PDB file of N, CA and C in Angstrom:
ATOM      1  N   UNK A   1      99.252  36.733 -57.514  1.00  0.00           N
ATOM      2  CA  UNK A   1      99.548  36.069 -57.112  1.00  0.00           C
ATOM      3  C   UNK A   1     101.469  35.377 -56.928  1.00  0.00           C
ATOM      4  N   UNK A   2     101.668  34.892 -55.845  1.00  0.00           N
ATOM      5  CA  UNK A   2     102.649  34.317 -55.642  1.00  0.00           C
ATOM      6  C   UNK A   2     102.692  32.687 -55.240  1.00  0.00           C
ATOM      7  N   UNK A   3     102.965  32.118 -56.752  1.00  0.00           N
ATOM      8  CA  UNK A   3     103.670  30.682 -56.595  1.00  0.00           C
ATOM      9  C   UNK A   3     104.686  30.380 -56.199  1.00  0.00           C
ATOM     10  N   UNK A   4     104.077  28.859 -55.394  1.00  0.00           N
ATOM     11  CA  UNK A   4     105.477  28.610 -54.861  1.00  0.00           C
ATOM     12  C   UNK A   4     105.449  26.913 -55.022  1.00  0.00           C
ATOM     13  N   UNK A   5     106.128  26.630 -55.997  1.00  0.00           N
ATOM     14  CA  UNK A   5     106.579  25.342 -56.398  1.00  0.00           C
ATOM     15  C   UNK A   5     107.368  23.712 -55.028  1.00  0.00           C
ATOM     16  N   UNK A   6     105.756  23.263 -54.515  1.00  0.00           N
ATOM     17  CA  UNK A   6     105.865  22.744 -53.757  1.00  0.00           C
ATOM     18  C   UNK A   6     106.481  20.793 -54.007  1.00  0.00           C
ATOM     19  N   UNK A   7     106.295  20.607 -54.872  1.00  0.00           N
ATOM     20  CA  UNK A   7     107.425  19.233 -55.549  1.00  0.00           C
ATOM     21  C   UNK A   7     106.448  18.347 -56.652  1.00  0.00           C
ATOM     22  N   UNK A   8     106.755  16.531 -57.104  1.00  0.00           N
ATOM     23  CA  UNK A   8     106.461  16.424 -57.889  1.00  0.00           C
ATOM     24  C   UNK A   8     106.828  15.163 -57.606  1.00  0.00           C
ATOM     25  N   UNK A   9     106.051  14.679 -58.438  1.00  0.00           N
ATOM     26  CA  UNK A   9     106.227  12.694 -58.161  1.00  0.00           C
ATOM     27  C   UNK A   9     107.601  12.758 -58.791  1.00  0.00           C
ATOM     28  N   UNK A  10     108.502  11.843 -58.211  1.00  0.00           N
ATOM     29  CA  UNK A  10     109.781  11.540 -58.726  1.00  0.00           C
ATOM     30  C   UNK A  10     109.930  10.217 -59.702  1.00  0.00           C
ATOM     31  N   UNK A  11     108.144   9.117 -59.400  1.00  0.00           N
ATOM     32  CA  UNK A  11     108.358   8.338 -60.019  1.00  0.00           C
ATOM     33  C   UNK A  11     107.433   8.719 -61.185  1.00  0.00           C
ATOM     34  N   UNK A  12     106.933   9.623 -61.776  1.00  0.00           N
ATOM     35  CA  UNK A  12     106.038  10.190 -63.224  1.00  0.00           C
ATOM     36  C   UNK A  12     106.846   9.720 -63.917  1.00  0.00           C
ATOM     37  N   UNK A  13     106.179   9.144 -65.192  1.00  0.00           N
ATOM     38  CA  UNK A  13     106.757   8.859 -65.936  1.00  0.00           C
ATOM     39  C   UNK A  13     107.357  10.415 -66.926  1.00  0.00           C
ATOM     40  N   UNK A  14     108.465  10.905 -67.237  1.00  0.00           N
ATOM     41  CA  UNK A  14     109.204  12.667 -67.864  1.00  0.00           C
ATOM     42  C   UNK A  14     109.275  13.111 -66.790  1.00  0.00           C
ATOM     43  N   UNK A  15     108.743  12.795 -65.317  1.00  0.00           N
ATOM     44  CA  UNK A  15     108.441  13.276 -64.733  1.00  0.00           C
ATOM     45  C   UNK A  15     107.462  14.305 -64.618  1.00  0.00           C
ATOM     46  N   UNK A  16     106.376  14.609 -65.489  1.00  0.00           N
ATOM     47  CA  UNK A  16     105.330  15.413 -65.923  1.00  0.00           C
ATOM     48  C   UNK A  16     104.372  15.750 -64.663  1.00  0.00           C
ATOM     49  N   UNK A  17     103.887  14.921 -63.778  1.00  0.00           N
ATOM     50  CA  UNK A  17     102.807  14.787 -63.212  1.00  0.00           C
ATOM     51  C   UNK A  17     102.562  13.737 -61.752  1.00  0.00           C
ATOM     52  N   UNK A  18     101.699  13.641 -60.673  1.00  0.00           N
ATOM     53  CA  UNK A  18     101.541  14.518 -60.033  1.00  0.00           C
ATOM     54  C   UNK A  18     102.354  16.289 -59.420  1.00  0.00           C
ATOM     55  N   UNK A  19     102.004  17.521 -59.598  1.00  0.00           N
ATOM     56  CA  UNK A  19     102.829  18.152 -59.596  1.00  0.00           C
ATOM     57  C   UNK A  19     101.918  18.931 -57.616  1.00  0.00           C
ATOM     58  N   UNK A  20     102.573  19.682 -57.063  1.00  0.00           N
ATOM     59  CA  UNK A  20     102.085  20.656 -55.943  1.00  0.00           C
ATOM     60  C   UNK A  20     102.363  21.731 -56.002  1.00  0.00           C
ATOM     61  N   UNK A  21     101.466  22.684 -55.919  1.00  0.00           N
ATOM     62  CA  UNK A  21     102.209  24.195 -55.882  1.00  0.00           C
ATOM     63  C   UNK A  21     100.988  24.693 -54.512  1.00  0.00           C
ATOM     64  N   UNK A  22     101.607  26.251 -54.165  1.00  0.00           N
ATOM     65  CA  UNK A  22     101.115  26.411 -52.452  1.00  0.00           C
ATOM     66  C   UNK A  22     100.800  27.991 -53.893  1.00  0.00           C
ATOM     67  N   UNK A  23      99.554  28.513 -53.986  1.00  0.00           N
ATOM     68  CA  UNK A  23      99.389  29.843 -55.184  1.00  0.00           C
ATOM     69  C   UNK A  23      99.185  31.088 -53.099  1.00  0.00           C
ATOM     70  N   UNK A  24      99.411  30.406 -52.271  1.00  0.00           N
ATOM     71  CA  UNK A  24      98.795  31.351 -51.025  1.00  0.00           C
ATOM     72  C   UNK A  24      97.711  30.919 -50.639  1.00  0.00           C
ATOM     73  N   UNK A  25      96.692  31.056 -51.304  1.00  0.00           N
ATOM     74  CA  UNK A  25      95.210  31.017 -50.822  1.00  0.00           C
ATOM     75  C   UNK A  25      94.441  29.200 -51.030  1.00  0.00           C
ATOM     76  N   UNK A  26      95.657  28.075 -51.644  1.00  0.00           N
ATOM     77  CA  UNK A  26      95.260  27.579 -51.383  1.00  0.00           C
ATOM     78  C   UNK A  26      95.992  26.957 -52.624  1.00  0.00           C
ATOM     79  N   UNK A  27      95.574  24.837 -52.758  1.00  0.00           N
ATOM     80  CA  UNK A  27      97.141  24.650 -53.420  1.00  0.00           C
ATOM     81  C   UNK A  27      96.413  24.540 -55.434  1.00  0.00           C
ATOM     82  N   UNK A  28      97.732  24.141 -55.700  1.00  0.00           N
ATOM     83  CA  UNK A  28      97.261  23.719 -57.218  1.00  0.00           C
ATOM     84  C   UNK A  28      97.826  22.452 -57.530  1.00  0.00           C
ATOM     85  N   UNK A  29      96.797  21.919 -57.846  1.00  0.00           N
ATOM     86  CA  UNK A  29      97.567  19.874 -58.275  1.00  0.00           C
ATOM     87  C   UNK A  29      97.498  19.938 -59.544  1.00  0.00           C
ATOM     88  N   UNK A  30      98.378  19.153 -60.156  1.00  0.00           N
ATOM     89  CA  UNK A  30      98.305  18.390 -61.701  1.00  0.00           C
ATOM     90  C   UNK A  30      98.725  16.930 -61.119  1.00  0.00           C
ATOM     91  N   UNK A  31      97.534  16.267 -61.512  1.00  0.00           N
ATOM     92  CA  UNK A  31      97.478  14.680 -61.692  1.00  0.00           C
ATOM     93  C   UNK A  31      96.650  14.466 -62.729  1.00  0.00           C
ATOM     94  N   UNK A  32      96.463  12.891 -62.253  1.00  0.00           N
ATOM     95  CA  UNK A  32      95.812  12.159 -63.937  1.00  0.00           C
ATOM     96  C   UNK A  32      94.125  12.772 -63.200  1.00  0.00           C
ATOM     97  N   UNK A  33      93.289  13.004 -64.873  1.00  0.00           N
ATOM     98  CA  UNK A  33      92.109  13.327 -64.950  1.00  0.00           C
ATOM     99  C   UNK A  33      91.177  12.576 -64.653  1.00  0.00           C
ATOM    100  N   UNK A  34      90.306  11.841 -63.776  1.00  0.00           N
ATOM    101  CA  UNK A  34      89.440  10.846 -64.040  1.00  0.00           C
ATOM    102  C   UNK A  34      88.320  11.189 -64.795  1.00  0.00           C
ATOM    103  N   UNK A  35      88.253  10.152 -65.871  1.00  0.00           N
ATOM    104  CA  UNK A  35      87.419  10.218 -66.985  1.00  0.00           C
ATOM    105  C   UNK A  35      86.423   8.999 -66.962  1.00  0.00           C
ATOM    106  N   UNK A  36      86.624   7.985 -66.273  1.00  0.00           N
ATOM    107  CA  UNK A  36      86.181   6.851 -66.271  1.00  0.00           C
ATOM    108  C   UNK A  36      84.347   7.288 -65.913  1.00  0.00           C
ATOM    109  N   UNK A  37      83.734   7.027 -66.521  1.00  0.00           N
ATOM    110  CA  UNK A  37      82.336   7.522 -66.600  1.00  0.00           C
ATOM    111  C   UNK A  37      81.279   6.924 -64.733  1.00  0.00           C
ATOM    112  N   UNK A  38      81.715   5.775 -64.893  1.00  0.00           N
ATOM    113  CA  UNK A  38      81.523   4.702 -63.949  1.00  0.00           C
ATOM    114  C   UNK A  38      82.215   5.469 -62.503  1.00  0.00           C
ATOM    115  N   UNK A  39      83.072   5.718 -62.782  1.00  0.00           N
ATOM    116  CA  UNK A  39      84.188   6.344 -61.054  1.00  0.00           C
ATOM    117  C   UNK A  39      83.014   7.633 -61.259  1.00  0.00           C
ATOM    118  N   UNK A  40      82.947   8.259 -62.213  1.00  0.00           N
ATOM    119  CA  UNK A  40      82.937   9.737 -61.703  1.00  0.00           C
ATOM    120  C   UNK A  40      81.168   9.980 -61.676  1.00  0.00           C
ATOM    121  N   UNK A  41      80.401   9.100 -61.883  1.00  0.00           N
ATOM    122  CA  UNK A  41      79.369   8.403 -61.159  1.00  0.00           C
ATOM    123  C   UNK A  41      79.236   8.262 -59.792  1.00  0.00           C
ATOM    124  N   UNK A  42      79.968   7.605 -59.513  1.00  0.00           N
ATOM    125  CA  UNK A  42      80.017   7.010 -58.180  1.00  0.00           C
ATOM    126  C   UNK A  42      80.828   8.103 -57.395  1.00  0.00           C
ATOM    127  N   UNK A  43      81.907   8.815 -57.289  1.00  0.00           N
ATOM    128  CA  UNK A  43      81.937  10.150 -56.989  1.00  0.00           C
ATOM    129  C   UNK A  43      80.739  10.827 -57.173  1.00  0.00           C
ATOM    130  N   UNK A  44      80.262  11.378 -57.715  1.00  0.00           N
ATOM    131  CA  UNK A  44      79.505  12.546 -57.863  1.00  0.00           C
ATOM    132  C   UNK A  44      78.677  12.348 -56.959  1.00  0.00           C
ATOM    133  N   UNK A  45      77.814  10.104 -57.248  1.00  0.00           N
ATOM    134  CA  UNK A  45      76.279  10.236 -56.305  1.00  0.00           C
ATOM    135  C   UNK A  45      76.758  10.700 -55.204  1.00  0.00           C
ATOM    136  N   UNK A  46      78.062  10.104 -54.310  1.00  0.00           N
ATOM    137  CA  UNK A  46      78.478   9.966 -52.540  1.00  0.00           C
ATOM    138  C   UNK A  46      78.848  11.647 -52.173  1.00  0.00           C
ATOM    139  N   UNK A  47      78.923  11.967 -53.175  1.00  0.00           N
ATOM    140  CA  UNK A  47      78.922  14.080 -52.801  1.00  0.00           C
ATOM    141  C   UNK A  47      77.015  14.613 -53.107  1.00  0.00           C
ATOM    142  N   UNK A  48      76.398  13.762 -53.286  1.00  0.00           N
ATOM    143  CA  UNK A  48      75.153  14.261 -53.655  1.00  0.00           C
ATOM    144  C   UNK A  48      75.039  15.468 -55.324  1.00  0.00           C
ATOM    145  N   UNK A  49      75.988  14.841 -55.671  1.00  0.00           N
ATOM    146  CA  UNK A  49      76.003  15.496 -56.776  1.00  0.00           C
ATOM    147  C   UNK A  49      75.714  15.274 -58.603  1.00  0.00           C
ATOM    148  N   UNK A  50      75.444  16.172 -59.793  1.00  0.00           N
ATOM    149  CA  UNK A  50      74.853  15.192 -60.787  1.00  0.00           C
ATOM    150  C   UNK A  50      75.631  15.466 -61.937  1.00  0.00           C
ATOM    151  N   UNK A  51      76.449  16.724 -61.460  1.00  0.00           N
ATOM    152  CA  UNK A  51      77.569  17.047 -62.764  1.00  0.00           C
ATOM    153  C   UNK A  51      78.583  17.651 -61.849  1.00  0.00           C
ATOM    154  N   UNK A  52      79.868  18.448 -62.684  1.00  0.00           N
ATOM    155  CA  UNK A  52      80.966  18.693 -62.515  1.00  0.00           C
ATOM    156  C   UNK A  52      80.583  20.235 -62.762  1.00  0.00           C
ATOM    157  N   UNK A  53      81.360  21.202 -62.006  1.00  0.00           N
ATOM    158  CA  UNK A  53      80.878  22.628 -62.750  1.00  0.00           C
ATOM    159  C   UNK A  53      81.718  22.487 -63.943  1.00  0.00           C
ATOM    160  N   UNK A  54      80.998  23.147 -65.036  1.00  0.00           N
ATOM    161  CA  UNK A  54      82.047  23.243 -66.064  1.00  0.00           C
ATOM    162  C   UNK A  54      83.599  23.960 -65.984  1.00  0.00           C
ATOM    163  N   UNK A  55      83.743  25.044 -64.719  1.00  0.00           N
ATOM    164  CA  UNK A  55      85.476  25.003 -64.575  1.00  0.00           C
ATOM    165  C   UNK A  55      85.920  24.161 -63.185  1.00  0.00           C
ATOM    166  N   UNK A  56      85.324  23.170 -63.396  1.00  0.00           N
ATOM    167  CA  UNK A  56      86.465  22.497 -62.651  1.00  0.00           C
ATOM    168  C   UNK A  56      86.150  21.042 -63.353  1.00  0.00           C
ATOM    169  N   UNK A  57      87.543  20.084 -62.464  1.00  0.00           N
ATOM    170  CA  UNK A  57      87.672  18.491 -63.404  1.00  0.00           C
ATOM    171  C   UNK A  57      87.918  17.730 -61.552  1.00  0.00           C
ATOM    172  N   UNK A  58      87.704  16.755 -61.395  1.00  0.00           N
ATOM    173  CA  UNK A  58      87.908  15.084 -60.840  1.00  0.00           C
ATOM    174  C   UNK A  58      89.024  15.203 -61.227  1.00  0.00           C
ATOM    175  N   UNK A  59      90.895  15.290 -60.433  1.00  0.00           N
ATOM    176  CA  UNK A  59      91.800  14.757 -60.832  1.00  0.00           C
ATOM    177  C   UNK A  59      91.723  13.209 -59.976  1.00  0.00           C
ATOM    178  N   UNK A  60      92.974  12.625 -59.941  1.00  0.00           N
ATOM    179  CA  UNK A  60      93.704  12.045 -58.613  1.00  0.00           C
ATOM    180  C   UNK A  60      95.013  11.997 -58.892  1.00  0.00           C
ATOM    181  N   UNK A  61      95.485  12.247 -57.297  1.00  0.00           N
ATOM    182  CA  UNK A  61      96.724  12.587 -56.548  1.00  0.00           C
ATOM    183  C   UNK A  61      97.014  11.936 -56.354  1.00  0.00           C
ATOM    184  N   UNK A  62      98.634  10.854 -55.653  1.00  0.00           N
ATOM    185  CA  UNK A  62      99.001   9.490 -54.949  1.00  0.00           C
ATOM    186  C   UNK A  62      98.745  10.426 -53.353  1.00  0.00           C
ATOM    187  N   UNK A  63      98.847   9.213 -52.956  1.00  0.00           N
ATOM    188  CA  UNK A  63      98.159   9.674 -51.165  1.00  0.00           C
ATOM    189  C   UNK A  63     100.046  10.166 -51.004  1.00  0.00           C
ATOM    190  N   UNK A  64     100.926   8.974 -51.339  1.00  0.00           N
ATOM    191  CA  UNK A  64     102.562   9.244 -51.814  1.00  0.00           C
ATOM    192  C   UNK A  64     102.952  10.388 -51.139  1.00  0.00           C
ATOM    193  N   UNK A  65     102.175  11.118 -52.369  1.00  0.00           N
ATOM    194  CA  UNK A  65     102.857  12.854 -51.747  1.00  0.00           C
ATOM    195  C   UNK A  65     102.202  13.630 -51.234  1.00  0.00           C
ATOM    196  N   UNK A  66     101.364  13.184 -50.332  1.00  0.00           N
ATOM    197  CA  UNK A  66     100.980  13.874 -49.107  1.00  0.00           C
ATOM    198  C   UNK A  66     101.769  14.486 -48.112  1.00  0.00           C
ATOM    199  N   UNK A  67     103.211  14.412 -48.129  1.00  0.00           N
ATOM    200  CA  UNK A  67     103.975  15.059 -47.497  1.00  0.00           C
ATOM    201  C   UNK A  67     104.141  16.594 -48.114  1.00  0.00           C
ATOM    202  N   UNK A  68     103.724  16.572 -48.978  1.00  0.00           N
ATOM    203  CA  UNK A  68     104.501  17.918 -49.440  1.00  0.00           C
ATOM    204  C   UNK A  68     103.563  18.812 -49.250  1.00  0.00           C
ATOM    205  N   UNK A  69     102.437  18.262 -48.552  1.00  0.00           N
ATOM    206  CA  UNK A  69     101.138  19.819 -47.949  1.00  0.00           C
ATOM    207  C   UNK A  69     102.341  20.167 -46.555  1.00  0.00           C
ATOM    208  N   UNK A  70     102.805  20.972 -46.375  1.00  0.00           N
ATOM    209  CA  UNK A  70     103.548  21.458 -45.436  1.00  0.00           C
ATOM    210  C   UNK A  70     102.676  21.655 -44.103  1.00  0.00           C
ATOM    211  N   UNK A  71     101.565  21.577 -44.246  1.00  0.00           N
ATOM    212  CA  UNK A  71     100.471  21.578 -42.288  1.00  0.00           C
ATOM    213  C   UNK A  71     100.915  19.296 -42.172  1.00  0.00           C
ATOM    214  N   UNK A  72     101.310  18.481 -43.350  1.00  0.00           N
ATOM    215  CA  UNK A  72     101.096  17.908 -42.998  1.00  0.00           C
ATOM    216  C   UNK A  72     102.653  17.200 -42.941  1.00  0.00           C
ATOM    217  N   UNK A  73     103.466  18.262 -43.120  1.00  0.00           N
ATOM    218  CA  UNK A  73     104.958  18.119 -43.457  1.00  0.00           C
ATOM    219  C   UNK A  73     105.811  18.625 -41.896  1.00  0.00           C
ATOM    220  N   UNK A  74     106.940  19.325 -42.333  1.00  0.00           N
ATOM    221  CA  UNK A  74     107.498  19.917 -41.285  1.00  0.00           C
ATOM    222  C   UNK A  74     106.824  21.243 -40.858  1.00  0.00           C
ATOM    223  N   UNK A  75     106.486  21.824 -42.058  1.00  0.00           N
ATOM    224  CA  UNK A  75     105.194  23.259 -41.406  1.00  0.00           C
ATOM    225  C   UNK A  75     106.374  24.353 -42.072  1.00  0.00           C
ATOM    226  N   UNK A  76     106.555  23.867 -43.361  1.00  0.00           N
ATOM    227  CA  UNK A  76     107.617  24.568 -44.353  1.00  0.00           C
ATOM    228  C   UNK A  76     107.163  25.738 -44.777  1.00  0.00           C
TER     229      UNK A  76
END
């Protein structure tokens, strides 16, 4: 797998996240895990799901960083 780092949020404390990588087939996103049970229930309900598969999680990724996705930027 050839990972390519696309960027991180310059406003994040200690520069830790959110961050974005391209692995060739998909994106890898580091963000803030959604843990509030009411929000999780609402998100899952809106998608017709009752639970999150054990190998998945829901994260938050700020809209202000959408320009990092090559399809939405200059095509780099």
